[in-house]
Amino acid sequence: MLTTGAPTCTEDVIAGAVFVVTAAYFVASWSGGVQAIGIRVWRTHVATADGCALPWPQSLLRFAIALLSSLALGLGFLLFLVDRERRGWHDLAGGSHTLRAIWLILISSSLRRLQLRRLQ
């Protein structure tokens, strides 16, 4: 049923629940728990500067800043056009980098070589 006027309590609860589920989805995907759809399609990975998964507090901060970037008409996302490392507000605040799959392969193979050297 279409209503007009002020939102009802039920609509507020539903909107809040949608927000919480959305935040949980992105925080979990950036923290390495699950893969977001875009991450799978573009074969990228959000990580810290050393290639590790983001801790959940950094992921939560990244989500909050991404939300602010959206509210600022996408201004925070446009920063990647001029940033040398292709990072937006949310990446700078969260200390994150978006890595392509080829970089993940190179990092993991380098780490394996280091581990093998330590074992010898």
PDB file of N, CA and C in Angstrom:
ATOM      1  N   MET A   1       0.836  -1.163   0.000  1.00  0.00           N
ATOM      2  CA  MET A   1       0.000   0.000   0.000  1.00  0.00           C
ATOM      3  C   MET A   1       0.892   1.240   0.000  1.00  0.00           C
ATOM      4  N   LEU A   2       0.605   2.160  -0.883  1.00  0.00           N
ATOM      5  CA  LEU A   2       1.366   3.393  -1.010  1.00  0.00           C
ATOM      6  C   LEU A   2       0.848   4.404   0.003  1.00  0.00           C
ATOM      7  N   THR A   3       1.775   4.925   0.807  1.00  0.00           N
ATOM      8  CA  THR A   3       1.372   5.914   1.809  1.00  0.00           C
ATOM      9  C   THR A   3       2.035   7.235   1.498  1.00  0.00           C
ATOM     10  N   THR A   4       1.440   8.278   1.965  1.00  0.00           N
ATOM     11  CA  THR A   4       2.012   9.610   1.822  1.00  0.00           C
ATOM     12  C   THR A   4       2.220  10.197   3.202  1.00  0.00           C
ATOM     13  N   GLY A   5       3.065  11.182   3.286  1.00  0.00           N
ATOM     14  CA  GLY A   5       3.300  11.818   4.578  1.00  0.00           C
ATOM     15  C   GLY A   5       4.547  11.268   5.239  1.00  0.00           C
ATOM     16  N   ALA A   6       4.585  11.378   6.548  1.00  0.00           N
ATOM     17  CA  ALA A   6       5.747  10.954   7.314  1.00  0.00           C
ATOM     18  C   ALA A   6       5.885   9.436   7.306  1.00  0.00           C
ATOM     19  N   PRO A   7       7.135   8.948   7.295  1.00  0.00           N
ATOM     20  CA  PRO A   7       7.331   7.495   7.326  1.00  0.00           C
ATOM     21  C   PRO A   7       6.834   6.912   8.638  1.00  0.00           C
ATOM     22  N   THR A   8       6.340   5.704   8.558  1.00  0.00           N
ATOM     23  CA  THR A   8       5.857   5.030   9.757  1.00  0.00           C
ATOM     24  C   THR A   8       7.024   4.389  10.485  1.00  0.00           C
ATOM     25  N   CYS A   9       6.769   3.912  11.665  1.00  0.00           N
ATOM     26  CA  CYS A   9       7.797   3.249  12.466  1.00  0.00           C
ATOM     27  C   CYS A   9       8.302   2.005  11.745  1.00  0.00           C
ATOM     28  N   THR A  10       7.404   1.279  11.105  1.00  0.00           N
ATOM     29  CA  THR A  10       7.789   0.069  10.370  1.00  0.00           C
ATOM     30  C   THR A  10       8.735   0.403   9.229  1.00  0.00           C
ATOM     31  N   GLU A  11       8.466   1.472   8.508  1.00  0.00           N
ATOM     32  CA  GLU A  11       9.338   1.878   7.407  1.00  0.00           C
ATOM     33  C   GLU A  11      10.718   2.275   7.918  1.00  0.00           C
ATOM     34  N   ASP A  12      10.769   2.933   9.064  1.00  0.00           N
ATOM     35  CA  ASP A  12      12.053   3.304   9.666  1.00  0.00           C
ATOM     36  C   ASP A  12      12.850   2.071  10.066  1.00  0.00           C
ATOM     37  N   VAL A  13      12.161   1.092  10.640  1.00  0.00           N
ATOM     38  CA  VAL A  13      12.825  -0.146  11.053  1.00  0.00           C
ATOM     39  C   VAL A  13      13.363  -0.889   9.836  1.00  0.00           C
ATOM     40  N   ILE A  14      12.586  -0.959   8.771  1.00  0.00           N
ATOM     41  CA  ILE A  14      13.019  -1.639   7.548  1.00  0.00           C
ATOM     42  C   ILE A  14      14.213  -0.906   6.937  1.00  0.00           C
ATOM     43  N   ALA A  15      14.151   0.414   6.878  1.00  0.00           N
ATOM     44  CA  ALA A  15      15.264   1.195   6.330  1.00  0.00           C
ATOM     45  C   ALA A  15      16.527   0.999   7.170  1.00  0.00           C
ATOM     46  N   GLY A  16      16.387   0.979   8.470  1.00  0.00           N
ATOM     47  CA  GLY A  16      17.529   0.739   9.354  1.00  0.00           C
ATOM     48  C   GLY A  16      18.120  -0.646   9.168  1.00  0.00           C
ATOM     49  N   ALA A  17      17.244  -1.640   9.022  1.00  0.00           N
ATOM     50  CA  ALA A  17      17.704  -3.012   8.819  1.00  0.00           C
ATOM     51  C   ALA A  17      18.450  -3.150   7.490  1.00  0.00           C
ATOM     52  N   VAL A  18      17.933  -2.512   6.441  1.00  0.00           N
ATOM     53  CA  VAL A  18      18.599  -2.550   5.138  1.00  0.00           C
ATOM     54  C   VAL A  18      19.981  -1.910   5.236  1.00  0.00           C
ATOM     55  N   PHE A  19      20.077  -0.798   5.949  1.00  0.00           N
ATOM     56  CA  PHE A  19      21.362  -0.128   6.132  1.00  0.00           C
ATOM     57  C   PHE A  19      22.351  -1.025   6.874  1.00  0.00           C
ATOM     58  N   VAL A  20      21.907  -1.652   7.950  1.00  0.00           N
ATOM     59  CA  VAL A  20      22.788  -2.516   8.744  1.00  0.00           C
ATOM     60  C   VAL A  20      23.250  -3.724   7.921  1.00  0.00           C
ATOM     61  N   VAL A  21      22.349  -4.332   7.168  1.00  0.00           N
ATOM     62  CA  VAL A  21      22.713  -5.485   6.338  1.00  0.00           C
ATOM     63  C   VAL A  21      23.708  -5.064   5.253  1.00  0.00           C
ATOM     64  N   THR A  22      23.486  -3.909   4.644  1.00  0.00           N
ATOM     65  CA  THR A  22      24.404  -3.409   3.615  1.00  0.00           C
ATOM     66  C   THR A  22      25.786  -3.155   4.202  1.00  0.00           C
ATOM     67  N   ALA A  23      25.839  -2.497   5.346  1.00  0.00           N
ATOM     68  CA  ALA A  23      27.127  -2.230   6.000  1.00  0.00           C
ATOM     69  C   ALA A  23      27.824  -3.540   6.354  1.00  0.00           C
ATOM     70  N   ALA A  24      27.087  -4.491   6.913  1.00  0.00           N
ATOM     71  CA  ALA A  24      27.677  -5.783   7.289  1.00  0.00           C
ATOM     72  C   ALA A  24      28.225  -6.520   6.072  1.00  0.00           C
ATOM     73  N   TYR A  25      27.513  -6.460   4.959  1.00  0.00           N
ATOM     74  CA  TYR A  25      27.944  -7.116   3.719  1.00  0.00           C
ATOM     75  C   TYR A  25      29.282  -6.561   3.241  1.00  0.00           C
ATOM     76  N   PHE A  26      29.390  -5.242   3.167  1.00  0.00           N
ATOM     77  CA  PHE A  26      30.630  -4.642   2.680  1.00  0.00           C
ATOM     78  C   PHE A  26      31.776  -4.812   3.667  1.00  0.00           C
ATOM     79  N   VAL A  27      31.515  -4.629   4.953  1.00  0.00           N
ATOM     80  CA  VAL A  27      32.567  -4.793   5.952  1.00  0.00           C
ATOM     81  C   VAL A  27      33.086  -6.230   5.923  1.00  0.00           C
ATOM     82  N   ALA A  28      32.176  -7.203   5.820  1.00  0.00           N
ATOM     83  CA  ALA A  28      32.595  -8.611   5.767  1.00  0.00           C
ATOM     84  C   ALA A  28      33.383  -8.910   4.499  1.00  0.00           C
ATOM     85  N   SER A  29      32.955  -8.345   3.376  1.00  0.00           N
ATOM     86  CA  SER A  29      33.667  -8.633   2.126  1.00  0.00           C
ATOM     87  C   SER A  29      35.052  -7.986   2.117  1.00  0.00           C
ATOM     88  N   TRP A  30      35.184  -6.793   2.648  1.00  0.00           N
ATOM     89  CA  TRP A  30      36.480  -6.131   2.676  1.00  0.00           C
ATOM     90  C   TRP A  30      37.400  -6.730   3.725  1.00  0.00           C
ATOM     91  N   SER A  31      36.831  -7.356   4.749  1.00  0.00           N
ATOM     92  CA  SER A  31      37.641  -7.983   5.795  1.00  0.00           C
ATOM     93  C   SER A  31      38.060  -9.394   5.420  1.00  0.00           C
ATOM     94  N   GLY A  32      37.641  -9.856   4.266  1.00  0.00           N
ATOM     95  CA  GLY A  32      38.060 -11.174   3.796  1.00  0.00           C
ATOM     96  C   GLY A  32      37.105 -12.303   4.128  1.00  0.00           C
ATOM     97  N   GLY A  33      35.976 -12.003   4.747  1.00  0.00           N
ATOM     98  CA  GLY A  33      35.033 -13.057   5.110  1.00  0.00           C
ATOM     99  C   GLY A  33      34.296 -13.639   3.922  1.00  0.00           C
ATOM    100  N   VAL A  34      33.829 -12.791   3.043  1.00  0.00           N
ATOM    101  CA  VAL A  34      33.125 -13.216   1.833  1.00  0.00           C
ATOM    102  C   VAL A  34      33.593 -12.339   0.683  1.00  0.00           C
ATOM    103  N   GLN A  35      33.280 -12.767  -0.529  1.00  0.00           N
ATOM    104  CA  GLN A  35      33.648 -11.952  -1.688  1.00  0.00           C
ATOM    105  C   GLN A  35      32.431 -11.199  -2.183  1.00  0.00           C
ATOM    106  N   ALA A  36      32.564  -9.896  -2.311  1.00  0.00           N
ATOM    107  CA  ALA A  36      31.493  -9.081  -2.871  1.00  0.00           C
ATOM    108  C   ALA A  36      31.374  -9.382  -4.370  1.00  0.00           C
ATOM    109  N   ILE A  37      30.217  -9.150  -4.917  1.00  0.00           N
ATOM    110  CA  ILE A  37      29.976  -9.440  -6.325  1.00  0.00           C
ATOM    111  C   ILE A  37      30.946  -8.674  -7.221  1.00  0.00           C
ATOM    112  N   GLY A  38      31.122  -7.388  -6.964  1.00  0.00           N
ATOM    113  CA  GLY A  38      32.034  -6.584  -7.776  1.00  0.00           C
ATOM    114  C   GLY A  38      33.474  -7.062  -7.691  1.00  0.00           C
ATOM    115  N   ILE A  39      33.873  -7.533  -6.514  1.00  0.00           N
ATOM    116  CA  ILE A  39      35.228  -8.037  -6.334  1.00  0.00           C
ATOM    117  C   ILE A  39      35.442  -9.283  -7.196  1.00  0.00           C
ATOM    118  N   ARG A  40      34.450 -10.153  -7.251  1.00  0.00           N
ATOM    119  CA  ARG A  40      34.553 -11.343  -8.100  1.00  0.00           C
ATOM    120  C   ARG A  40      34.595 -10.987  -9.574  1.00  0.00           C
ATOM    121  N   VAL A  41      33.684 -10.118 -10.002  1.00  0.00           N
ATOM    122  CA  VAL A  41      33.578  -9.771 -11.414  1.00  0.00           C
ATOM    123  C   VAL A  41      34.839  -9.087 -11.915  1.00  0.00           C
ATOM    124  N   TRP A  42      35.342  -8.110 -11.172  1.00  0.00           N
ATOM    125  CA  TRP A  42      36.512  -7.342 -11.608  1.00  0.00           C
ATOM    126  C   TRP A  42      37.823  -7.983 -11.204  1.00  0.00           C
ATOM    127  N   ARG A  43      37.743  -9.109 -10.493  1.00  0.00           N
ATOM    128  CA  ARG A  43      38.934  -9.835 -10.035  1.00  0.00           C
ATOM    129  C   ARG A  43      39.899  -8.918  -9.281  1.00  0.00           C
ATOM    130  N   THR A  44      39.333  -8.245  -8.296  1.00  0.00           N
ATOM    131  CA  THR A  44      40.126  -7.359  -7.455  1.00  0.00           C
ATOM    132  C   THR A  44      40.021  -7.811  -6.015  1.00  0.00           C
ATOM    133  N   HIS A  45      40.783  -7.168  -5.167  1.00  0.00           N
ATOM    134  CA  HIS A  45      40.794  -7.501  -3.748  1.00  0.00           C
ATOM    135  C   HIS A  45      41.130  -6.241  -2.970  1.00  0.00           C
ATOM    136  N   VAL A  46      40.380  -5.944  -1.953  1.00  0.00           N
ATOM    137  CA  VAL A  46      40.673  -4.795  -1.093  1.00  0.00           C
ATOM    138  C   VAL A  46      41.591  -5.282   0.016  1.00  0.00           C
ATOM    139  N   ALA A  47      42.730  -4.592   0.168  1.00  0.00           N
ATOM    140  CA  ALA A  47      43.730  -5.036   1.133  1.00  0.00           C
ATOM    141  C   ALA A  47      44.457  -3.857   1.747  1.00  0.00           C
ATOM    142  N   THR A  48      45.219  -4.143   2.785  1.00  0.00           N
ATOM    143  CA  THR A  48      46.094  -3.138   3.386  1.00  0.00           C
ATOM    144  C   THR A  48      47.303  -2.952   2.475  1.00  0.00           C
ATOM    145  N   ALA A  49      48.185  -2.042   2.825  1.00  0.00           N
ATOM    146  CA  ALA A  49      49.361  -1.761   1.994  1.00  0.00           C
ATOM    147  C   ALA A  49      50.265  -2.980   1.836  1.00  0.00           C
ATOM    148  N   ASP A  50      50.272  -3.882   2.828  1.00  0.00           N
ATOM    149  CA  ASP A  50      51.115  -5.077   2.727  1.00  0.00           C
ATOM    150  C   ASP A  50      50.393  -6.283   2.134  1.00  0.00           C
ATOM    151  N   GLY A  51      49.169  -6.077   1.620  1.00  0.00           N
ATOM    152  CA  GLY A  51      48.450  -7.143   0.926  1.00  0.00           C
ATOM    153  C   GLY A  51      47.547  -7.994   1.794  1.00  0.00           C
ATOM    154  N   CYS A  52      47.445  -7.695   3.082  1.00  0.00           N
ATOM    155  CA  CYS A  52      46.585  -8.468   3.982  1.00  0.00           C
ATOM    156  C   CYS A  52      45.150  -7.942   3.927  1.00  0.00           C
ATOM    157  N   ALA A  53      44.213  -8.783   4.356  1.00  0.00           N
ATOM    158  CA  ALA A  53      42.819  -8.356   4.424  1.00  0.00           C
ATOM    159  C   ALA A  53      42.679  -7.233   5.447  1.00  0.00           C
ATOM    160  N   LEU A  54      41.732  -6.347   5.198  1.00  0.00           N
ATOM    161  CA  LEU A  54      41.504  -5.236   6.128  1.00  0.00           C
ATOM    162  C   LEU A  54      40.914  -5.760   7.433  1.00  0.00           C
ATOM    163  N   PRO A  55      41.383  -5.277   8.565  1.00  0.00           N
ATOM    164  CA  PRO A  55      40.712  -5.583   9.829  1.00  0.00           C
ATOM    165  C   PRO A  55      39.314  -4.940   9.813  1.00  0.00           C
ATOM    166  N   TRP A  56      38.384  -5.506  10.547  1.00  0.00           N
ATOM    167  CA  TRP A  56      37.004  -5.015  10.454  1.00  0.00           C
ATOM    168  C   TRP A  56      36.844  -3.555  10.873  1.00  0.00           C
ATOM    169  N   PRO A  57      37.629  -3.017  11.853  1.00  0.00           N
ATOM    170  CA  PRO A  57      37.458  -1.583  12.145  1.00  0.00           C
ATOM    171  C   PRO A  57      37.822  -0.697  10.953  1.00  0.00           C
ATOM    172  N   GLN A  58      38.870  -1.073  10.212  1.00  0.00           N
ATOM    173  CA  GLN A  58      39.240  -0.311   9.019  1.00  0.00           C
ATOM    174  C   GLN A  58      38.170  -0.443   7.941  1.00  0.00           C
ATOM    175  N   SER A  59      37.590  -1.633   7.830  1.00  0.00           N
ATOM    176  CA  SER A  59      36.524  -1.845   6.849  1.00  0.00           C
ATOM    177  C   SER A  59      35.294  -1.018   7.186  1.00  0.00           C
ATOM    178  N   LEU A  60      34.976  -0.924   8.475  1.00  0.00           N
ATOM    179  CA  LEU A  60      33.833  -0.123   8.910  1.00  0.00           C
ATOM    180  C   LEU A  60      34.077   1.357   8.629  1.00  0.00           C
ATOM    181  N   LEU A  61      35.287   1.828   8.883  1.00  0.00           N
ATOM    182  CA  LEU A  61      35.638   3.215   8.573  1.00  0.00           C
ATOM    183  C   LEU A  61      35.566   3.452   7.065  1.00  0.00           C
ATOM    184  N   ARG A  62      36.043   2.486   6.290  1.00  0.00           N
ATOM    185  CA  ARG A  62      35.994   2.596   4.824  1.00  0.00           C
ATOM    186  C   ARG A  62      34.542   2.714   4.349  1.00  0.00           C
ATOM    187  N   PHE A  63      33.643   1.932   4.945  1.00  0.00           N
ATOM    188  CA  PHE A  63      32.231   1.999   4.584  1.00  0.00           C
ATOM    189  C   PHE A  63      31.642   3.369   4.925  1.00  0.00           C
ATOM    190  N   ALA A  64      31.958   3.875   6.125  1.00  0.00           N
ATOM    191  CA  ALA A  64      31.410   5.167   6.550  1.00  0.00           C
ATOM    192  C   ALA A  64      31.877   6.295   5.624  1.00  0.00           C
ATOM    193  N   ILE A  65      33.144   6.281   5.244  1.00  0.00           N
ATOM    194  CA  ILE A  65      33.662   7.323   4.359  1.00  0.00           C
ATOM    195  C   ILE A  65      33.101   7.163   2.948  1.00  0.00           C
ATOM    196  N   ALA A  66      32.897   5.931   2.500  1.00  0.00           N
ATOM    197  CA  ALA A  66      32.278   5.707   1.191  1.00  0.00           C
ATOM    198  C   ALA A  66      30.850   6.248   1.184  1.00  0.00           C
ATOM    199  N   LEU A  67      30.163   6.100   2.307  1.00  0.00           N
ATOM    200  CA  LEU A  67      28.817   6.645   2.430  1.00  0.00           C
ATOM    201  C   LEU A  67      28.851   8.171   2.350  1.00  0.00           C
ATOM    202  N   LEU A  68      29.805   8.783   3.045  1.00  0.00           N
ATOM    203  CA  LEU A  68      29.955  10.237   2.977  1.00  0.00           C
ATOM    204  C   LEU A  68      30.308  10.689   1.555  1.00  0.00           C
ATOM    205  N   SER A  69      31.138   9.910   0.868  1.00  0.00           N
ATOM    206  CA  SER A  69      31.483  10.232  -0.519  1.00  0.00           C
ATOM    207  C   SER A  69      30.247  10.220  -1.406  1.00  0.00           C
ATOM    208  N   SER A  70      29.369   9.271  -1.154  1.00  0.00           N
ATOM    209  CA  SER A  70      28.115   9.200  -1.919  1.00  0.00           C
ATOM    210  C   SER A  70      27.238  10.412  -1.633  1.00  0.00           C
ATOM    211  N   LEU A  71      27.176  10.799  -0.361  1.00  0.00           N
ATOM    212  CA  LEU A  71      26.360  11.951   0.015  1.00  0.00           C
ATOM    213  C   LEU A  71      26.929  13.255  -0.538  1.00  0.00           C
ATOM    214  N   ALA A  72      28.246  13.261  -0.805  1.00  0.00           N
ATOM    215  CA  ALA A  72      28.901  14.446  -1.376  1.00  0.00           C
ATOM    216  C   ALA A  72      28.880  14.381  -2.905  1.00  0.00           C
ATOM    217  N   LEU A  73      27.840  13.762  -3.433  1.00  0.00           N
ATOM    218  CA  LEU A  73      27.644  13.643  -4.887  1.00  0.00           C
ATOM    219  C   LEU A  73      28.803  12.939  -5.595  1.00  0.00           C
ATOM    220  N   GLY A  74      29.416  11.968  -4.905  1.00  0.00           N
ATOM    221  CA  GLY A  74      30.475  11.166  -5.508  1.00  0.00           C
ATOM    222  C   GLY A  74      31.831  11.822  -5.559  1.00  0.00           C
ATOM    223  N   LEU A  75      31.976  12.964  -4.920  1.00  0.00           N
ATOM    224  CA  LEU A  75      33.236  13.702  -4.960  1.00  0.00           C
ATOM    225  C   LEU A  75      34.400  12.859  -4.433  1.00  0.00           C
ATOM    226  N   GLY A  76      34.164  12.119  -3.375  1.00  0.00           N
ATOM    227  CA  GLY A  76      35.225  11.282  -2.803  1.00  0.00           C
ATOM    228  C   GLY A  76      35.659  10.160  -3.717  1.00  0.00           C
ATOM    229  N   PHE A  77      34.769   9.696  -4.582  1.00  0.00           N
ATOM    230  CA  PHE A  77      35.121   8.635  -5.521  1.00  0.00           C
ATOM    231  C   PHE A  77      35.899   9.184  -6.714  1.00  0.00           C
ATOM    232  N   LEU A  78      35.657  10.436  -7.057  1.00  0.00           N
ATOM    233  CA  LEU A  78      36.331  11.040  -8.202  1.00  0.00           C
ATOM    234  C   LEU A  78      37.812  11.313  -7.931  1.00  0.00           C
ATOM    235  N   LEU A  79      38.204  11.289  -6.675  1.00  0.00           N
ATOM    236  CA  LEU A  79      39.595  11.510  -6.319  1.00  0.00           C
ATOM    237  C   LEU A  79      40.511  10.499  -7.009  1.00  0.00           C
ATOM    238  N   PHE A  80      40.007   9.296  -7.269  1.00  0.00           N
ATOM    239  CA  PHE A  80      40.842   8.275  -7.893  1.00  0.00           C
ATOM    240  C   PHE A  80      41.309   8.680  -9.294  1.00  0.00           C
ATOM    241  N   LEU A  81      40.642   9.649  -9.909  1.00  0.00           N
ATOM    242  CA  LEU A  81      41.051  10.114 -11.233  1.00  0.00           C
ATOM    243  C   LEU A  81      42.364  10.899 -11.187  1.00  0.00           C
ATOM    244  N   VAL A  82      42.653  11.518 -10.053  1.00  0.00           N
ATOM    245  CA  VAL A  82      43.868  12.319  -9.935  1.00  0.00           C
ATOM    246  C   VAL A  82      44.895  11.731  -8.965  1.00  0.00           C
ATOM    247  N   ASP A  83      44.483  10.793  -8.143  1.00  0.00           N
ATOM    248  CA  ASP A  83      45.396  10.176  -7.183  1.00  0.00           C
ATOM    249  C   ASP A  83      46.328   9.209  -7.908  1.00  0.00           C
ATOM    250  N   ARG A  84      47.597   9.278  -7.603  1.00  0.00           N
ATOM    251  CA  ARG A  84      48.586   8.424  -8.263  1.00  0.00           C
ATOM    252  C   ARG A  84      48.322   6.941  -8.038  1.00  0.00           C
ATOM    253  N   GLU A  85      47.847   6.601  -6.853  1.00  0.00           N
ATOM    254  CA  GLU A  85      47.581   5.202  -6.517  1.00  0.00           C
ATOM    255  C   GLU A  85      46.131   4.797  -6.781  1.00  0.00           C
ATOM    256  N   ARG A  86      45.365   5.692  -7.418  1.00  0.00           N
ATOM    257  CA  ARG A  86      43.965   5.417  -7.776  1.00  0.00           C
ATOM    258  C   ARG A  86      43.105   5.100  -6.548  1.00  0.00           C
ATOM    259  N   ARG A  87      43.224   5.937  -5.509  1.00  0.00           N
ATOM    260  CA  ARG A  87      42.450   5.730  -4.292  1.00  0.00           C
ATOM    261  C   ARG A  87      41.501   6.896  -4.068  1.00  0.00           C
ATOM    262  N   GLY A  88      40.345   6.588  -3.505  1.00  0.00           N
ATOM    263  CA  GLY A  88      39.360   7.600  -3.159  1.00  0.00           C
ATOM    264  C   GLY A  88      39.440   7.914  -1.673  1.00  0.00           C
ATOM    265  N   TRP A  89      38.504   8.769  -1.217  1.00  0.00           N
ATOM    266  CA  TRP A  89      38.465   9.129   0.203  1.00  0.00           C
ATOM    267  C   TRP A  89      38.405   7.891   1.082  1.00  0.00           C
ATOM    268  N   HIS A  90      37.546   6.932   0.691  1.00  0.00           N
ATOM    269  CA  HIS A  90      37.346   5.744   1.517  1.00  0.00           C
ATOM    270  C   HIS A  90      38.627   4.911   1.612  1.00  0.00           C
ATOM    271  N   ASP A  91      39.428   4.867   0.546  1.00  0.00           N
ATOM    272  CA  ASP A  91      40.689   4.135   0.594  1.00  0.00           C
ATOM    273  C   ASP A  91      41.709   4.862   1.459  1.00  0.00           C
ATOM    274  N   LEU A  92      41.779   6.174   1.313  1.00  0.00           N
ATOM    275  CA  LEU A  92      42.728   6.949   2.114  1.00  0.00           C
ATOM    276  C   LEU A  92      42.403   6.856   3.601  1.00  0.00           C
ATOM    277  N   ALA A  93      41.135   6.987   3.947  1.00  0.00           N
ATOM    278  CA  ALA A  93      40.731   6.934   5.360  1.00  0.00           C
ATOM    279  C   ALA A  93      40.908   5.533   5.940  1.00  0.00           C
ATOM    280  N   GLY A  94      40.576   4.526   5.146  1.00  0.00           N
ATOM    281  CA  GLY A  94      40.660   3.151   5.636  1.00  0.00           C
ATOM    282  C   GLY A  94      42.028   2.521   5.482  1.00  0.00           C
ATOM    283  N   GLY A  95      42.972   3.249   4.890  1.00  0.00           N
ATOM    284  CA  GLY A  95      44.309   2.692   4.681  1.00  0.00           C
ATOM    285  C   GLY A  95      44.288   1.487   3.761  1.00  0.00           C
ATOM    286  N   SER A  96      43.425   1.517   2.762  1.00  0.00           N
ATOM    287  CA  SER A  96      43.257   0.352   1.892  1.00  0.00           C
ATOM    288  C   SER A  96      43.705   0.628   0.468  1.00  0.00           C
ATOM    289  N   HIS A  97      43.944  -0.445  -0.239  1.00  0.00           N
ATOM    290  CA  HIS A  97      44.284  -0.417  -1.654  1.00  0.00           C
ATOM    291  C   HIS A  97      43.426  -1.464  -2.342  1.00  0.00           C
ATOM    292  N   THR A  98      43.056  -1.215  -3.580  1.00  0.00           N
ATOM    293  CA  THR A  98      42.347  -2.213  -4.359  1.00  0.00           C
ATOM    294  C   THR A  98      43.357  -2.849  -5.303  1.00  0.00           C
ATOM    295  N   LEU A  99      43.582  -4.138  -5.103  1.00  0.00           N
ATOM    296  CA  LEU A  99      44.574  -4.863  -5.886  1.00  0.00           C
ATOM    297  C   LEU A  99      43.896  -5.684  -6.966  1.00  0.00           C
ATOM    298  N   ARG A 100      44.515  -5.778  -8.110  1.00  0.00           N
ATOM    299  CA  ARG A 100      44.015  -6.651  -9.175  1.00  0.00           C
ATOM    300  C   ARG A 100      44.519  -8.058  -8.922  1.00  0.00           C
ATOM    301  N   ALA A 101      43.879  -9.033  -9.532  1.00  0.00           N
ATOM    302  CA  ALA A 101      44.202 -10.438  -9.294  1.00  0.00           C
ATOM    303  C   ALA A 101      45.663 -10.749  -9.581  1.00  0.00           C
ATOM    304  N   ILE A 102      46.259 -10.146 -10.588  1.00  0.00           N
ATOM    305  CA  ILE A 102      47.651 -10.436 -10.914  1.00  0.00           C
ATOM    306  C   ILE A 102      48.572 -10.048  -9.766  1.00  0.00           C
ATOM    307  N   TRP A 103      48.268  -8.948  -9.076  1.00  0.00           N
ATOM    308  CA  TRP A 103      49.082  -8.552  -7.924  1.00  0.00           C
ATOM    309  C   TRP A 103      48.935  -9.538  -6.782  1.00  0.00           C
ATOM    310  N   LEU A 104      47.745 -10.097  -6.622  1.00  0.00           N
ATOM    311  CA  LEU A 104      47.539 -11.092  -5.569  1.00  0.00           C
ATOM    312  C   LEU A 104      48.386 -12.325  -5.826  1.00  0.00           C
ATOM    313  N   ILE A 105      48.474 -12.731  -7.091  1.00  0.00           N
ATOM    314  CA  ILE A 105      49.278 -13.898  -7.447  1.00  0.00           C
ATOM    315  C   ILE A 105      50.751 -13.612  -7.167  1.00  0.00           C
ATOM    316  N   LEU A 106      51.222 -12.429  -7.550  1.00  0.00           N
ATOM    317  CA  LEU A 106      52.620 -12.069  -7.329  1.00  0.00           C
ATOM    318  C   LEU A 106      52.952 -11.986  -5.845  1.00  0.00           C
ATOM    319  N   ILE A 107      52.075 -11.385  -5.063  1.00  0.00           N
ATOM    320  CA  ILE A 107      52.307 -11.264  -3.623  1.00  0.00           C
ATOM    321  C   ILE A 107      52.330 -12.636  -2.967  1.00  0.00           C
ATOM    322  N   SER A 108      51.355 -13.491  -3.303  1.00  0.00           N
ATOM    323  CA  SER A 108      51.303 -14.808  -2.670  1.00  0.00           C
ATOM    324  C   SER A 108      52.503 -15.662  -3.059  1.00  0.00           C
ATOM    325  N   SER A 109      52.953 -15.578  -4.322  1.00  0.00           N
ATOM    326  CA  SER A 109      54.120 -16.367  -4.721  1.00  0.00           C
ATOM    327  C   SER A 109      55.383 -15.844  -4.032  1.00  0.00           C
ATOM    328  N   SER A 110      55.494 -14.533  -3.852  1.00  0.00           N
ATOM    329  CA  SER A 110      56.645 -13.964  -3.148  1.00  0.00           C
ATOM    330  C   SER A 110      56.655 -14.395  -1.689  1.00  0.00           C
ATOM    331  N   LEU A 111      55.484 -14.402  -1.055  1.00  0.00           N
ATOM    332  CA  LEU A 111      55.406 -14.834   0.340  1.00  0.00           C
ATOM    333  C   LEU A 111      55.769 -16.305   0.478  1.00  0.00           C
ATOM    334  N   ARG A 112      55.342 -17.136  -0.479  1.00  0.00           N
ATOM    335  CA  ARG A 112      55.692 -18.558  -0.437  1.00  0.00           C
ATOM    336  C   ARG A 112      57.211 -18.742  -0.540  1.00  0.00           C
ATOM    337  N   ARG A 113      57.847 -17.992  -1.444  1.00  0.00           N
ATOM    338  CA  ARG A 113      59.295 -18.090  -1.596  1.00  0.00           C
ATOM    339  C   ARG A 113      60.007 -17.693  -0.307  1.00  0.00           C
ATOM    340  N   LEU A 114      59.521 -16.637   0.340  1.00  0.00           N
ATOM    341  CA  LEU A 114      60.127 -16.220   1.605  1.00  0.00           C
ATOM    342  C   LEU A 114      59.971 -17.289   2.679  1.00  0.00           C
ATOM    343  N   GLN A 115      58.807 -17.917   2.730  1.00  0.00           N
ATOM    344  CA  GLN A 115      58.582 -18.961   3.713  1.00  0.00           C
ATOM    345  C   GLN A 115      59.484 -20.162   3.450  1.00  0.00           C
ATOM    346  N   LEU A 116      59.667 -20.512   2.189  1.00  0.00           N
ATOM    347  CA  LEU A 116      60.547 -21.636   1.848  1.00  0.00           C
ATOM    348  C   LEU A 116      61.992 -21.334   2.219  1.00  0.00           C
ATOM    349  N   ARG A 117      62.428 -20.083   2.012  1.00  0.00           N
ATOM    350  CA  ARG A 117      63.794 -19.706   2.372  1.00  0.00           C
ATOM    351  C   ARG A 117      64.006 -19.801   3.887  1.00  0.00           C
ATOM    352  N   ARG A 118      62.988 -19.417   4.636  1.00  0.00           N
ATOM    353  CA  ARG A 118      63.100 -19.477   6.098  1.00  0.00           C
ATOM    354  C   ARG A 118      63.193 -20.920   6.583  1.00  0.00           C
ATOM    355  N   LEU A 119      62.529 -21.831   5.898  1.00  0.00           N
ATOM    356  CA  LEU A 119      62.539 -23.225   6.292  1.00  0.00           C
ATOM    357  C   LEU A 119      63.868 -23.908   5.978  1.00  0.00           C
ATOM    358  N   GLN A 120      64.595 -23.381   5.018  1.00  0.00           N
ATOM    359  CA  GLN A 120      65.867 -24.037   4.607  1.00  0.00           C
ATOM    360  C   GLN A 120      66.973 -23.771   5.541  1.00  0.00           C
TER     361      GLN A 120
END
